[in-house]
């Protein structure tokens, strides 16, 4: 049974990925910042922006890493953010990704494992009028993943960039999110919102033998939304 470590697996997209992979007979361990009792999967409380993440790799040797931890700051929209908020965004979204990826890579090389990495970015990685720092961190994830795919040939590394996915974070960044849904659907060729299952299904595919020749790529899962923005 292959072992998968899901950073940000406590809720939203990460939790849906955990359910999907467990149904595919993976041994799933989720990592999150919040304390969670009676959780459905193996769970480790850890804030990747500041905690010692070496401990995540001391007990188990993982075959797969999924990084989907991420935060956003509503203060970005009004440009009232300060240095602390900038650091929080960068330390969680980008540095957290790099740190978790590098430790996983080190473990794979040490244990002669042909590992697989999937990092979750965002369609905002091309730029965002309202969330520029968040967008910059997601662009960094894309560039970093492409870089490690070319450097470490034994490790298959890809990025998934979700479009508008309805999760708790949707309401964190936009409390009146429901008001925007009709417009989003109108501007999406698939004529619906994305959901966490769409992302989990894409992860399932990328981890399958059918995707064994895909590495260093960005898979955009947005129902065609960005096509109308080009």
Protein backbone atom coordinates (compact mmCIF):
# COMPACT_ATOMS: atom_id res chain seq x y z
CA UNK A 1 0.00 0.00 0.00
CA UNK A 2 1.45 3.36 -1.05
CA UNK A 3 1.66 6.14 1.49
CA UNK A 4 0.54 9.67 0.67
CA UNK A 5 1.14 12.83 2.69
CA UNK A 6 -1.40 15.59 2.09
CA UNK A 7 -0.34 19.00 3.36
CA UNK A 8 -3.53 20.99 3.90
CA UNK A 9 -5.63 17.85 4.04
CA UNK A 10 -7.80 18.89 6.96
CA UNK A 11 -10.55 20.50 4.90
CA UNK A 12 -11.66 21.66 1.45
CA UNK A 13 -9.76 20.40 -1.57
CA UNK A 14 -7.20 18.52 0.51
CA UNK A 15 -9.84 16.59 2.43
CA UNK A 16 -11.60 15.61 -0.80
CA UNK A 17 -8.29 14.39 -2.21
CA UNK A 18 -7.77 12.34 0.95
CA UNK A 19 -11.15 10.62 0.52
CA UNK A 20 -10.46 9.90 -3.13
CA UNK A 21 -7.04 8.40 -2.49
CA UNK A 22 -8.22 6.32 0.44
CA UNK A 23 -10.82 4.80 -1.89
CA UNK A 24 -7.89 3.92 -4.16
CA UNK A 25 -6.18 2.02 -1.34
CA UNK A 26 -3.63 4.66 -0.37
CA UNK A 27 -2.47 4.96 3.21
CA UNK A 28 -3.41 8.61 3.80
CA UNK A 29 -1.88 11.04 6.28
CA UNK A 30 -3.23 14.59 6.41
CA UNK A 31 -1.48 17.64 7.82
CA UNK A 32 -3.22 20.81 8.96
CA UNK A 33 -2.83 23.81 11.25
CA UNK A 34 -5.91 23.14 13.37
CA UNK A 35 -6.42 20.61 16.11
CA UNK A 36 -8.83 17.91 14.88
CA UNK A 37 -10.18 15.16 17.09
CA UNK A 38 -11.66 11.91 15.77
CA UNK A 39 -10.47 12.77 12.27
CA UNK A 40 -11.27 10.37 9.44
CA UNK A 41 -7.61 9.88 8.46
CA UNK A 42 -4.20 9.84 10.10
CA UNK A 43 -3.74 13.46 11.09
CA UNK A 44 -0.76 15.57 12.14
CA UNK A 45 -1.20 19.08 13.48
CA UNK A 46 1.54 21.22 11.96
CA UNK A 47 1.80 24.77 10.66
CA UNK A 48 4.17 24.50 7.69
CA UNK A 49 4.88 28.22 7.82
CA UNK A 50 6.69 28.02 11.15
CA UNK A 51 6.74 24.56 12.75
CA UNK A 52 9.51 22.00 12.46
CA UNK A 53 8.31 19.98 9.51
CA UNK A 54 11.18 17.50 9.64
CA UNK A 55 9.05 15.50 12.07
CA UNK A 56 6.54 14.82 9.27
CA UNK A 57 9.08 12.57 7.59
CA UNK A 58 10.63 10.90 10.63
CA UNK A 59 7.97 8.24 11.17
CA UNK A 60 6.87 7.28 7.65
CA UNK A 61 8.45 7.07 4.22
CA UNK A 62 5.94 8.46 1.72
CA UNK A 63 5.50 7.62 -1.95
CA UNK A 64 3.37 10.66 -2.78
CA UNK A 65 3.26 14.28 -1.62
CA UNK A 66 0.25 16.50 -2.23
CA UNK A 67 0.75 20.13 -1.22
CA UNK A 68 -2.49 22.09 -1.09
CA UNK A 69 -2.01 24.22 2.01
CA UNK A 70 -2.83 27.84 1.38
CA UNK A 71 -4.10 31.04 2.96
CA UNK A 72 -5.39 34.30 1.58
CA UNK A 73 -5.74 37.78 3.06
CA UNK A 74 -8.84 39.87 2.44
CA UNK A 75 -6.76 42.95 3.26
CA UNK A 76 -5.02 42.48 -0.09
CA UNK A 77 -8.17 43.65 -1.84
CA UNK A 78 -7.95 47.06 -0.17
CA UNK A 79 -4.13 47.16 -0.29
CA UNK A 80 -4.08 47.59 3.49
CA UNK A 81 -1.88 44.56 4.13
CA UNK A 82 1.26 44.93 6.19
CA UNK A 83 4.64 43.20 6.38
CA UNK A 84 3.36 40.53 8.73
CA UNK A 85 0.54 39.55 6.37
CA UNK A 86 2.93 39.44 3.42
CA UNK A 87 5.21 37.12 5.38
CA UNK A 88 2.30 34.90 6.41
CA UNK A 89 1.20 34.48 2.79
CA UNK A 90 4.69 33.79 1.48
CA UNK A 91 5.72 31.56 4.39
CA UNK A 92 2.61 29.37 4.13
CA UNK A 93 1.87 29.23 0.43
CA UNK A 94 5.32 29.33 -1.16
CA UNK A 95 8.00 28.62 1.43
CA UNK A 96 5.79 25.96 2.99
CA UNK A 97 5.51 24.29 -0.40
CA UNK A 98 9.25 24.45 -1.07
CA UNK A 99 10.17 23.14 2.38
CA UNK A 100 7.73 20.23 2.22
CA UNK A 101 8.75 19.36 -1.32
CA UNK A 102 12.47 19.41 -0.58
CA UNK A 103 12.18 17.15 2.44
CA UNK A 104 10.03 14.74 0.42
CA UNK A 105 12.58 14.76 -2.41
CA UNK A 106 15.41 14.11 0.04
CA UNK A 107 13.47 11.17 1.46
CA UNK A 108 12.80 9.73 -2.00
CA UNK A 109 16.44 9.98 -3.03
CA UNK A 110 17.66 8.52 0.26
CA UNK A 111 15.27 5.57 0.07
CA UNK A 112 15.49 5.06 -3.71
CA UNK A 113 11.78 5.81 -4.24
CA UNK A 114 10.35 7.06 -7.53
CA UNK A 115 8.06 9.51 -5.81
CA UNK A 116 5.24 11.66 -7.11
CA UNK A 117 4.51 15.28 -6.23
CA UNK A 118 1.36 17.25 -6.97
CA UNK A 119 1.36 20.88 -5.88
CA UNK A 120 -1.86 22.88 -5.93
CA UNK A 121 -1.50 26.34 -7.44
CA UNK A 122 -4.34 28.51 -8.80
CA UNK A 123 -5.48 30.15 -12.02
CA UNK A 124 -4.52 33.39 -10.26
CA UNK A 125 -0.86 32.45 -10.85
CA UNK A 126 -1.01 34.53 -14.03
CA UNK A 127 -1.88 37.61 -11.95
CA UNK A 128 -4.77 38.86 -9.84
CA UNK A 129 -6.11 42.38 -9.59
CA UNK A 130 -7.47 41.83 -6.10
CA UNK A 131 -5.03 39.34 -4.57
CA UNK A 132 -1.55 40.15 -5.97
CA UNK A 133 0.54 38.61 -3.20
CA UNK A 134 -1.53 35.43 -3.15
CA UNK A 135 -1.14 35.29 -6.94
CA UNK A 136 2.61 35.74 -6.65
CA UNK A 137 2.90 32.82 -4.21
CA UNK A 138 0.89 30.60 -6.54
CA UNK A 139 3.06 31.63 -9.50
CA UNK A 140 6.08 30.66 -7.43
CA UNK A 141 4.61 27.21 -6.85
CA UNK A 142 4.19 26.74 -10.59
CA UNK A 143 7.76 27.80 -11.38
CA UNK A 144 9.20 25.72 -8.54
CA UNK A 145 7.35 22.58 -9.58
CA UNK A 146 8.51 22.85 -13.18
CA UNK A 147 12.05 23.35 -11.92
CA UNK A 148 12.13 20.27 -9.70
CA UNK A 149 10.55 18.16 -12.45
CA UNK A 150 13.52 18.96 -14.68
CA UNK A 151 16.10 18.50 -11.92
CA UNK A 152 14.91 15.26 -10.30
CA UNK A 153 14.16 12.84 -13.10
CA UNK A 154 13.11 10.01 -10.79
CA UNK A 155 10.33 12.11 -9.27
CA UNK A 156 7.18 12.92 -11.22
CA UNK A 157 6.12 16.47 -10.34
CA UNK A 158 3.06 18.33 -11.60
CA UNK A 159 0.86 21.29 -10.72
CA UNK A 160 -2.91 21.52 -10.63
CA UNK A 161 -4.32 25.04 -10.97
CA UNK A 162 -7.96 25.09 -9.90
CA UNK A 163 -10.38 27.70 -11.12
CA UNK A 164 -13.24 28.92 -8.97
CA UNK A 165 -13.91 26.11 -6.51
CA UNK A 166 -16.60 26.54 -3.87
CA UNK A 167 -14.94 25.89 -0.49
CA UNK A 168 -14.81 27.57 2.90
CA UNK A 169 -11.91 29.68 1.60
CA UNK A 170 -14.22 31.10 -1.07
CA UNK A 171 -16.20 32.82 1.67
CA UNK A 172 -13.07 33.76 3.57
CA UNK A 173 -11.79 35.82 0.66
CA UNK A 174 -15.25 36.95 -0.50
CA UNK A 175 -17.94 36.82 2.23
CA UNK A 176 -20.68 37.58 -0.30
CA UNK A 177 -19.36 34.89 -2.65
CA UNK A 178 -22.86 33.61 -3.47
CA UNK A 179 -23.66 36.90 -5.19
CA UNK A 180 -20.89 36.28 -7.72
CA UNK A 181 -21.84 32.71 -8.59
CA UNK A 182 -24.27 33.53 -11.47
CA UNK A 183 -21.65 35.71 -13.16
CA UNK A 184 -18.93 33.09 -12.71
CA UNK A 185 -21.12 30.40 -14.24
CA UNK A 186 -22.06 32.70 -17.12
CA UNK A 187 -18.36 33.21 -17.87
CA UNK A 188 -17.47 29.54 -17.61
CA UNK A 189 -17.91 27.45 -20.79
CA UNK A 190 -18.73 24.38 -18.69
CA UNK A 191 -21.64 26.41 -17.20
CA UNK A 192 -21.12 25.38 -13.60
CA UNK A 193 -18.91 26.05 -10.61
CA UNK A 194 -15.99 23.79 -9.95
CA UNK A 195 -16.07 21.54 -6.93
CA UNK A 196 -13.52 19.73 -4.82
CA UNK A 197 -14.30 16.44 -6.53
CA UNK A 198 -13.07 17.89 -9.83
CA UNK A 199 -9.65 18.45 -8.28
CA UNK A 200 -9.59 15.08 -6.51
CA UNK A 201 -10.39 13.32 -9.79
CA UNK A 202 -7.49 15.12 -11.47
CA UNK A 203 -5.15 14.04 -8.68
CA UNK A 204 -6.37 10.47 -9.10
CA UNK A 205 -5.53 10.62 -12.81
CA UNK A 206 -2.08 12.14 -12.32
CA UNK A 207 -1.17 9.41 -9.84
CA UNK A 208 -2.34 6.66 -12.17
CA UNK A 209 -0.25 4.73 -14.68
CA UNK A 210 -2.19 6.51 -17.43
CA UNK A 211 -0.33 9.72 -16.53
CA UNK A 212 3.14 8.19 -16.20
CA UNK A 213 4.50 10.27 -19.13
CA UNK A 214 3.26 13.59 -17.70
CA UNK A 215 5.70 15.60 -15.60
CA UNK A 216 6.52 19.27 -15.12
CA UNK A 217 3.08 20.26 -16.36
CA UNK A 218 0.34 22.58 -15.19
CA UNK A 219 -3.12 21.06 -15.36
CA UNK A 220 -5.73 23.83 -15.31
CA UNK A 221 -9.08 22.66 -13.92
CA UNK A 222 -11.43 25.60 -14.38
CA UNK A 223 -14.21 24.54 -16.77
CA UNK A 224 -12.69 26.81 -19.41
CA UNK A 225 -13.01 29.98 -17.29
CA UNK A 226 -9.57 31.34 -18.20
CA UNK A 227 -10.23 30.82 -21.92
CA UNK A 228 -12.59 33.79 -21.83
CA UNK A 229 -9.96 35.89 -20.04
CA UNK A 230 -7.31 35.51 -22.75
